[in-house]
Amino acid sequence: MTPSRETPSLLSADHVLHTITEDLAHRFAGVFSPETVERYVFESYTALGRTARITSHLPSLTERFARERLTALAQSKGQAPHDVPEVLLVCVQNAGRSQMAAALLDHHAQGRVHVRSAGSSPSDAVHPHALEIMSEMGIDLSSAFPKPLTDDVVRAADVVITMGCGDACPIYPGKRYEDWVIPDPADGSLEEARGVRDEIDSRVRRLLEEIDRNPAIGR
């Protein structure tokens, strides 16, 4: 029987993943058991590996993704500081709209909110249009990478913004949900992508103003 696409990569990266597990287990000591941390690390590696084009980057991306998920899980369980509102931005591929929205919100908020992004069906890389038009605003997306939508980040969010991903995002009480009808910048020209970016920027600014006016969000 031919082995699955993930199996050889997983076996070859086993030592690195165990090192990541040890580091994160130390970071989350007293919050999660080493077994829970290990499960999240290996699950995160497998999830990212389904779309990765360059597997040499997978271990470092896995550490970031697993750390983000564990932090979100700890927040949702009240076991980690939750000092500012958590905003989750979701689109289909997490390669354009949600990446730009997350970067713009983080840029304008200057620490007043914490931002995450995800995709209901993530791509293998951030779209070149998004990289270029965000760089025009002085915002570097070169270290960003598409991430699958997971239940832990939804549970940790106070505000969930969806863009074109339908009902893929689970609904939990006590959260604010919005759906922004915005075209995918990958579907048009670079100039059209700039228009999408500017529309997202306007919506992000309005969202931040509303969050600032409502101190109950995330507190």
C-alpha atoms as a PDB file:
ATOM      1  CA  MET A   1       0.000   0.000   0.000  1.00  0.00           C
ATOM      2  CA  THR A   2       1.331   3.451  -0.889  1.00  0.00           C
ATOM      3  CA  PRO A   3       1.897   5.549   2.252  1.00  0.00           C
ATOM      4  CA  SER A   4      -0.054   8.771   2.688  1.00  0.00           C
ATOM      5  CA  ARG A   5       1.476  12.073   1.645  1.00  0.00           C
ATOM      6  CA  GLU A   6       1.991  13.141   5.267  1.00  0.00           C
ATOM      7  CA  THR A   7       3.589   9.943   6.583  1.00  0.00           C
ATOM      8  CA  PRO A   8       7.194  10.278   5.286  1.00  0.00           C
ATOM      9  CA  SER A   9       7.379  13.959   6.242  1.00  0.00           C
ATOM     10  CA  LEU A  10       5.988  13.278   9.683  1.00  0.00           C
ATOM     11  CA  LEU A  11       8.494  10.510  10.339  1.00  0.00           C
ATOM     12  CA  SER A  12      11.467  12.549   9.124  1.00  0.00           C
ATOM     13  CA  ALA A  13      10.428  15.545  11.252  1.00  0.00           C
ATOM     14  CA  ASP A  14       9.683  13.445  14.344  1.00  0.00           C
ATOM     15  CA  HIS A  15      12.721  14.607  16.326  1.00  0.00           C
ATOM     16  CA  VAL A  16      12.070  18.279  15.562  1.00  0.00           C
ATOM     17  CA  LEU A  17       8.407  17.970  16.514  1.00  0.00           C
ATOM     18  CA  HIS A  18       9.322  16.375  19.829  1.00  0.00           C
ATOM     19  CA  THR A  19      11.699  19.287  20.491  1.00  0.00           C
ATOM     20  CA  ILE A  20       8.882  21.730  19.712  1.00  0.00           C
ATOM     21  CA  THR A  21       6.634  19.761  22.052  1.00  0.00           C
ATOM     22  CA  GLU A  22       9.162  19.972  24.876  1.00  0.00           C
ATOM     23  CA  ASP A  23       9.543  23.734  24.438  1.00  0.00           C
ATOM     24  CA  LEU A  24       5.795  24.353  24.329  1.00  0.00           C
ATOM     25  CA  ALA A  25       5.150  21.958  27.225  1.00  0.00           C
ATOM     26  CA  HIS A  26       7.546  24.059  29.301  1.00  0.00           C
ATOM     27  CA  ARG A  27       5.835  27.266  28.148  1.00  0.00           C
ATOM     28  CA  PHE A  28       2.370  25.926  29.036  1.00  0.00           C
ATOM     29  CA  ALA A  29       3.414  24.029  32.181  1.00  0.00           C
ATOM     30  CA  GLY A  30       0.593  24.040  34.718  1.00  0.00           C
ATOM     31  CA  VAL A  31      -1.933  24.844  31.982  1.00  0.00           C
ATOM     32  CA  PHE A  32      -1.797  21.789  29.707  1.00  0.00           C
ATOM     33  CA  SER A  33      -0.323  18.338  30.112  1.00  0.00           C
ATOM     34  CA  PRO A  34       2.618  17.354  27.900  1.00  0.00           C
ATOM     35  CA  GLU A  35       0.313  14.882  26.176  1.00  0.00           C
ATOM     36  CA  THR A  36      -2.103  17.658  25.190  1.00  0.00           C
ATOM     37  CA  VAL A  37       0.738  19.804  23.905  1.00  0.00           C
ATOM     38  CA  GLU A  38       2.128  16.885  21.902  1.00  0.00           C
ATOM     39  CA  ARG A  39      -1.268  16.212  20.323  1.00  0.00           C
ATOM     40  CA  TYR A  40      -1.623  19.847  19.299  1.00  0.00           C
ATOM     41  CA  VAL A  41       1.881  19.957  17.836  1.00  0.00           C
ATOM     42  CA  PHE A  42       1.440  16.824  15.721  1.00  0.00           C
ATOM     43  CA  GLU A  43      -2.105  17.788  14.671  1.00  0.00           C
ATOM     44  CA  SER A  44      -0.877  21.239  13.649  1.00  0.00           C
ATOM     45  CA  TYR A  45       1.993  19.757  11.649  1.00  0.00           C
ATOM     46  CA  THR A  46      -0.334  17.403   9.797  1.00  0.00           C
ATOM     47  CA  ALA A  47      -2.879  20.153   9.079  1.00  0.00           C
ATOM     48  CA  LEU A  48      -0.260  22.528   7.662  1.00  0.00           C
ATOM     49  CA  GLY A  49       1.404  19.704   5.745  1.00  0.00           C
ATOM     50  CA  ARG A  50      -1.724  19.109   3.674  1.00  0.00           C
ATOM     51  CA  THR A  51      -1.147  22.329   1.710  1.00  0.00           C
ATOM     52  CA  ALA A  52       2.569  23.069   2.188  1.00  0.00           C
ATOM     53  CA  ARG A  53       4.655  23.418  -0.959  1.00  0.00           C
ATOM     54  CA  ILE A  54       7.992  23.721   0.837  1.00  0.00           C
ATOM     55  CA  THR A  55       8.129  21.243   3.704  1.00  0.00           C
ATOM     56  CA  SER A  56      11.444  22.557   5.055  1.00  0.00           C
ATOM     57  CA  HIS A  57       9.527  25.456   6.605  1.00  0.00           C
ATOM     58  CA  LEU A  58       6.925  23.228   8.216  1.00  0.00           C
ATOM     59  CA  PRO A  59       8.553  22.779  11.663  1.00  0.00           C
ATOM     60  CA  SER A  60       8.887  26.525  12.314  1.00  0.00           C
ATOM     61  CA  LEU A  61       5.350  27.176  11.057  1.00  0.00           C
ATOM     62  CA  THR A  62       4.092  24.297  13.173  1.00  0.00           C
ATOM     63  CA  GLU A  63       5.596  25.852  16.306  1.00  0.00           C
ATOM     64  CA  ARG A  64       3.838  29.160  15.595  1.00  0.00           C
ATOM     65  CA  PHE A  65       0.521  27.541  14.711  1.00  0.00           C
ATOM     66  CA  ALA A  66       0.511  25.144  17.684  1.00  0.00           C
ATOM     67  CA  ARG A  67       1.521  27.953  20.075  1.00  0.00           C
ATOM     68  CA  GLU A  68      -1.283  30.144  18.765  1.00  0.00           C
ATOM     69  CA  ARG A  69      -3.836  27.343  19.118  1.00  0.00           C
ATOM     70  CA  LEU A  70      -2.704  26.448  22.640  1.00  0.00           C
ATOM     71  CA  THR A  71      -2.850  30.103  23.665  1.00  0.00           C
ATOM     72  CA  ALA A  72      -6.363  30.368  22.247  1.00  0.00           C
ATOM     73  CA  LEU A  73      -7.406  27.198  24.065  1.00  0.00           C
ATOM     74  CA  ALA A  74      -6.010  28.525  27.337  1.00  0.00           C
ATOM     75  CA  GLN A  75      -7.854  31.814  26.827  1.00  0.00           C
ATOM     76  CA  SER A  76     -11.153  30.085  26.093  1.00  0.00           C
ATOM     77  CA  LYS A  77     -10.780  28.101  29.320  1.00  0.00           C
ATOM     78  CA  GLY A  78      -9.893  31.182  31.379  1.00  0.00           C
ATOM     79  CA  GLN A  79      -6.358  29.913  31.979  1.00  0.00           C
ATOM     80  CA  ALA A  80      -4.469  32.678  30.167  1.00  0.00           C
ATOM     81  CA  PRO A  81      -4.575  36.496  30.286  1.00  0.00           C
ATOM     82  CA  HIS A  82      -7.238  38.024  28.081  1.00  0.00           C
ATOM     83  CA  ASP A  83      -6.482  41.707  28.511  1.00  0.00           C
ATOM     84  CA  VAL A  84      -7.717  43.028  25.151  1.00  0.00           C
ATOM     85  CA  PRO A  85     -10.493  41.933  22.767  1.00  0.00           C
ATOM     86  CA  GLU A  86      -9.707  38.970  20.527  1.00  0.00           C
ATOM     87  CA  VAL A  87     -10.667  39.368  16.866  1.00  0.00           C
ATOM     88  CA  LEU A  88     -10.696  36.452  14.434  1.00  0.00           C
ATOM     89  CA  LEU A  89     -10.805  37.114  10.680  1.00  0.00           C
ATOM     90  CA  VAL A  90     -11.785  34.225   8.425  1.00  0.00           C
ATOM     91  CA  CYS A  91     -11.926  33.822   4.655  1.00  0.00           C
ATOM     92  CA  VAL A  92     -11.723  30.753   2.435  1.00  0.00           C
ATOM     93  CA  GLN A  93      -8.013  30.458   1.693  1.00  0.00           C
ATOM     94  CA  ASN A  94      -6.526  32.725   4.397  1.00  0.00           C
ATOM     95  CA  ALA A  95      -4.312  33.971   1.583  1.00  0.00           C
ATOM     96  CA  GLY A  96      -5.765  37.404   0.849  1.00  0.00           C
ATOM     97  CA  ARG A  97      -8.715  39.075   2.525  1.00  0.00           C
ATOM     98  CA  SER A  98      -8.352  37.745   6.067  1.00  0.00           C
ATOM     99  CA  GLN A  99      -4.565  38.164   5.994  1.00  0.00           C
ATOM    100  CA  MET A 100      -4.872  41.785   4.884  1.00  0.00           C
ATOM    101  CA  ALA A 101      -7.645  42.489   7.387  1.00  0.00           C
ATOM    102  CA  ALA A 102      -5.633  40.982  10.233  1.00  0.00           C
ATOM    103  CA  ALA A 103      -2.524  42.964   9.315  1.00  0.00           C
ATOM    104  CA  LEU A 104      -4.467  46.218   8.930  1.00  0.00           C
ATOM    105  CA  LEU A 105      -6.334  45.755  12.191  1.00  0.00           C
ATOM    106  CA  ASP A 106      -3.134  44.948  14.038  1.00  0.00           C
ATOM    107  CA  HIS A 107      -1.472  47.993  12.455  1.00  0.00           C
ATOM    108  CA  HIS A 108      -4.250  50.431  13.379  1.00  0.00           C
ATOM    109  CA  ALA A 109      -5.019  48.983  16.821  1.00  0.00           C
ATOM    110  CA  GLN A 110      -1.434  49.283  18.111  1.00  0.00           C
ATOM    111  CA  GLY A 111      -2.022  46.684  20.796  1.00  0.00           C
ATOM    112  CA  ARG A 112      -5.631  47.597  21.661  1.00  0.00           C
ATOM    113  CA  VAL A 113      -6.859  44.281  20.236  1.00  0.00           C
ATOM    114  CA  HIS A 114      -5.290  40.900  19.539  1.00  0.00           C
ATOM    115  CA  VAL A 115      -5.810  39.566  16.031  1.00  0.00           C
ATOM    116  CA  ARG A 116      -5.893  36.087  14.520  1.00  0.00           C
ATOM    117  CA  SER A 117      -6.799  34.889  11.028  1.00  0.00           C
ATOM    118  CA  ALA A 118      -7.698  31.545   9.482  1.00  0.00           C
ATOM    119  CA  GLY A 119      -9.155  29.909   6.389  1.00  0.00           C
ATOM    120  CA  SER A 120     -11.982  27.438   5.925  1.00  0.00           C
ATOM    121  CA  SER A 121      -9.943  25.848   3.097  1.00  0.00           C
ATOM    122  CA  PRO A 122      -6.451  27.334   3.412  1.00  0.00           C
ATOM    123  CA  SER A 123      -4.109  27.837   0.490  1.00  0.00           C
ATOM    124  CA  ASP A 124      -0.434  26.947   0.441  1.00  0.00           C
ATOM    125  CA  ALA A 125       0.809  30.568   0.591  1.00  0.00           C
ATOM    126  CA  VAL A 126      -0.313  34.176   0.907  1.00  0.00           C
ATOM    127  CA  HIS A 127      -1.319  35.494  -2.519  1.00  0.00           C
ATOM    128  CA  PRO A 128       1.305  37.641  -4.307  1.00  0.00           C
ATOM    129  CA  HIS A 129      -1.253  40.438  -4.835  1.00  0.00           C
ATOM    130  CA  ALA A 130      -1.762  40.675  -1.076  1.00  0.00           C
ATOM    131  CA  LEU A 131       1.973  40.767  -0.417  1.00  0.00           C
ATOM    132  CA  GLU A 132       2.542  43.531  -2.960  1.00  0.00           C
ATOM    133  CA  ILE A 133      -0.339  45.831  -2.134  1.00  0.00           C
ATOM    134  CA  MET A 134       0.235  45.576   1.602  1.00  0.00           C
ATOM    135  CA  SER A 135       3.908  46.401   1.137  1.00  0.00           C
ATOM    136  CA  GLU A 136       2.736  49.596  -0.580  1.00  0.00           C
ATOM    137  CA  MET A 137       1.319  50.617   2.807  1.00  0.00           C
ATOM    138  CA  GLY A 138       4.507  49.674   4.618  1.00  0.00           C
ATOM    139  CA  ILE A 139       3.025  46.446   6.007  1.00  0.00           C
ATOM    140  CA  ASP A 140       5.123  43.305   5.553  1.00  0.00           C
ATOM    141  CA  LEU A 141       3.200  40.053   5.087  1.00  0.00           C
ATOM    142  CA  SER A 142       6.239  37.986   4.132  1.00  0.00           C
ATOM    143  CA  SER A 143       6.166  35.991   7.386  1.00  0.00           C
ATOM    144  CA  ALA A 144       2.399  35.349   7.243  1.00  0.00           C
ATOM    145  CA  PHE A 145       1.123  31.908   6.276  1.00  0.00           C
ATOM    146  CA  PRO A 146      -2.350  30.411   5.682  1.00  0.00           C
ATOM    147  CA  LYS A 147      -3.768  28.517   8.668  1.00  0.00           C
ATOM    148  CA  PRO A 148      -6.774  26.200   8.863  1.00  0.00           C
ATOM    149  CA  LEU A 149      -9.755  27.305  10.900  1.00  0.00           C
ATOM    150  CA  THR A 150      -9.833  25.466  14.223  1.00  0.00           C
ATOM    151  CA  ASP A 151     -12.391  25.365  16.977  1.00  0.00           C
ATOM    152  CA  ASP A 152      -9.976  26.671  19.615  1.00  0.00           C
ATOM    153  CA  VAL A 153      -9.399  30.031  17.920  1.00  0.00           C
ATOM    154  CA  VAL A 154     -13.146  30.510  17.404  1.00  0.00           C
ATOM    155  CA  ARG A 155     -13.849  29.798  21.070  1.00  0.00           C
ATOM    156  CA  ALA A 156     -11.196  32.319  22.138  1.00  0.00           C
ATOM    157  CA  ALA A 157     -12.522  35.114  19.909  1.00  0.00           C
ATOM    158  CA  ASP A 158     -14.770  37.939  21.053  1.00  0.00           C
ATOM    159  CA  VAL A 159     -15.399  39.164  17.503  1.00  0.00           C
ATOM    160  CA  VAL A 160     -15.500  36.883  14.444  1.00  0.00           C
ATOM    161  CA  ILE A 161     -15.422  38.432  10.978  1.00  0.00           C
ATOM    162  CA  THR A 162     -16.073  36.138   8.019  1.00  0.00           C
ATOM    163  CA  MET A 163     -15.431  36.942   4.360  1.00  0.00           C
ATOM    164  CA  GLY A 164     -16.834  34.569   1.787  1.00  0.00           C
ATOM    165  CA  CYS A 165     -16.544  31.324   3.753  1.00  0.00           C
ATOM    166  CA  GLY A 166     -20.263  30.741   4.275  1.00  0.00           C
ATOM    167  CA  ASP A 167     -21.262  28.806   7.378  1.00  0.00           C
ATOM    168  CA  ALA A 168     -17.854  27.137   7.886  1.00  0.00           C
ATOM    169  CA  CYS A 169     -17.299  29.020  11.131  1.00  0.00           C
ATOM    170  CA  PRO A 170     -19.022  27.483  14.167  1.00  0.00           C
ATOM    171  CA  ILE A 171     -21.397  29.728  16.111  1.00  0.00           C
ATOM    172  CA  TYR A 172     -20.968  30.141  19.860  1.00  0.00           C
ATOM    173  CA  PRO A 173     -23.057  32.371  22.152  1.00  0.00           C
ATOM    174  CA  GLY A 174     -21.615  35.553  23.574  1.00  0.00           C
ATOM    175  CA  LYS A 175     -19.575  36.479  20.496  1.00  0.00           C
ATOM    176  CA  ARG A 176     -20.071  39.162  17.905  1.00  0.00           C
ATOM    177  CA  TYR A 177     -20.281  37.828  14.345  1.00  0.00           C
ATOM    178  CA  GLU A 178     -20.119  39.844  11.130  1.00  0.00           C
ATOM    179  CA  ASP A 179     -19.964  38.774   7.500  1.00  0.00           C
ATOM    180  CA  TRP A 180     -18.169  41.159   5.170  1.00  0.00           C
ATOM    181  CA  VAL A 181     -19.118  40.741   1.516  1.00  0.00           C
ATOM    182  CA  ILE A 182     -15.784  41.529  -0.120  1.00  0.00           C
ATOM    183  CA  PRO A 183     -14.431  40.100  -3.408  1.00  0.00           C
ATOM    184  CA  ASP A 184     -11.364  37.885  -3.393  1.00  0.00           C
ATOM    185  CA  PRO A 185      -8.333  39.956  -4.499  1.00  0.00           C
ATOM    186  CA  ALA A 186      -6.893  36.889  -6.219  1.00  0.00           C
ATOM    187  CA  ASP A 187      -9.739  36.977  -8.748  1.00  0.00           C
ATOM    188  CA  GLY A 188      -8.840  40.315 -10.325  1.00  0.00           C
ATOM    189  CA  SER A 189      -6.052  42.608 -11.401  1.00  0.00           C
ATOM    190  CA  LEU A 190      -3.552  44.259  -9.111  1.00  0.00           C
ATOM    191  CA  GLU A 191      -5.510  47.511  -9.346  1.00  0.00           C
ATOM    192  CA  GLU A 192      -8.713  45.700  -8.358  1.00  0.00           C
ATOM    193  CA  ALA A 193      -6.851  44.126  -5.450  1.00  0.00           C
ATOM    194  CA  ARG A 194      -5.908  47.615  -4.266  1.00  0.00           C
ATOM    195  CA  GLY A 195      -9.598  48.489  -4.217  1.00  0.00           C
ATOM    196  CA  VAL A 196     -10.283  45.393  -2.091  1.00  0.00           C
ATOM    197  CA  ARG A 197      -7.482  46.390   0.263  1.00  0.00           C
ATOM    198  CA  ASP A 198      -8.898  49.909   0.660  1.00  0.00           C
ATOM    199  CA  GLU A 199     -12.401  48.539   1.316  1.00  0.00           C
ATOM    200  CA  ILE A 200     -11.019  46.216   3.976  1.00  0.00           C
ATOM    201  CA  ASP A 201      -9.052  49.092   5.491  1.00  0.00           C
ATOM    202  CA  SER A 202     -12.225  51.194   5.811  1.00  0.00           C
ATOM    203  CA  ARG A 203     -14.142  48.333   7.408  1.00  0.00           C
ATOM    204  CA  VAL A 204     -11.274  47.558   9.797  1.00  0.00           C
ATOM    205  CA  ARG A 205     -11.126  51.188  10.934  1.00  0.00           C
ATOM    206  CA  ARG A 206     -14.887  51.214  11.588  1.00  0.00           C
ATOM    207  CA  LEU A 207     -14.662  47.940  13.479  1.00  0.00           C
ATOM    208  CA  LEU A 208     -11.879  49.293  15.659  1.00  0.00           C
ATOM    209  CA  GLU A 209     -13.893  52.420  16.408  1.00  0.00           C
ATOM    210  CA  GLU A 210     -16.860  50.274  17.465  1.00  0.00           C
ATOM    211  CA  ILE A 211     -14.655  48.112  19.686  1.00  0.00           C
ATOM    212  CA  ASP A 212     -13.154  51.223  21.275  1.00  0.00           C
ATOM    213  CA  ARG A 213     -16.662  52.548  22.000  1.00  0.00           C
ATOM    214  CA  ASN A 214     -17.753  49.285  23.622  1.00  0.00           C
ATOM    215  CA  PRO A 215     -15.456  48.492  26.555  1.00  0.00           C
ATOM    216  CA  ALA A 216     -17.470  45.354  27.360  1.00  0.00           C
ATOM    217  CA  ILE A 217     -16.099  43.527  24.311  1.00  0.00           C
ATOM    218  CA  GLY A 218     -13.472  41.047  25.436  1.00  0.00           C
ATOM    219  CA  ARG A 219     -13.488  42.116  29.061  1.00  0.00           C
END
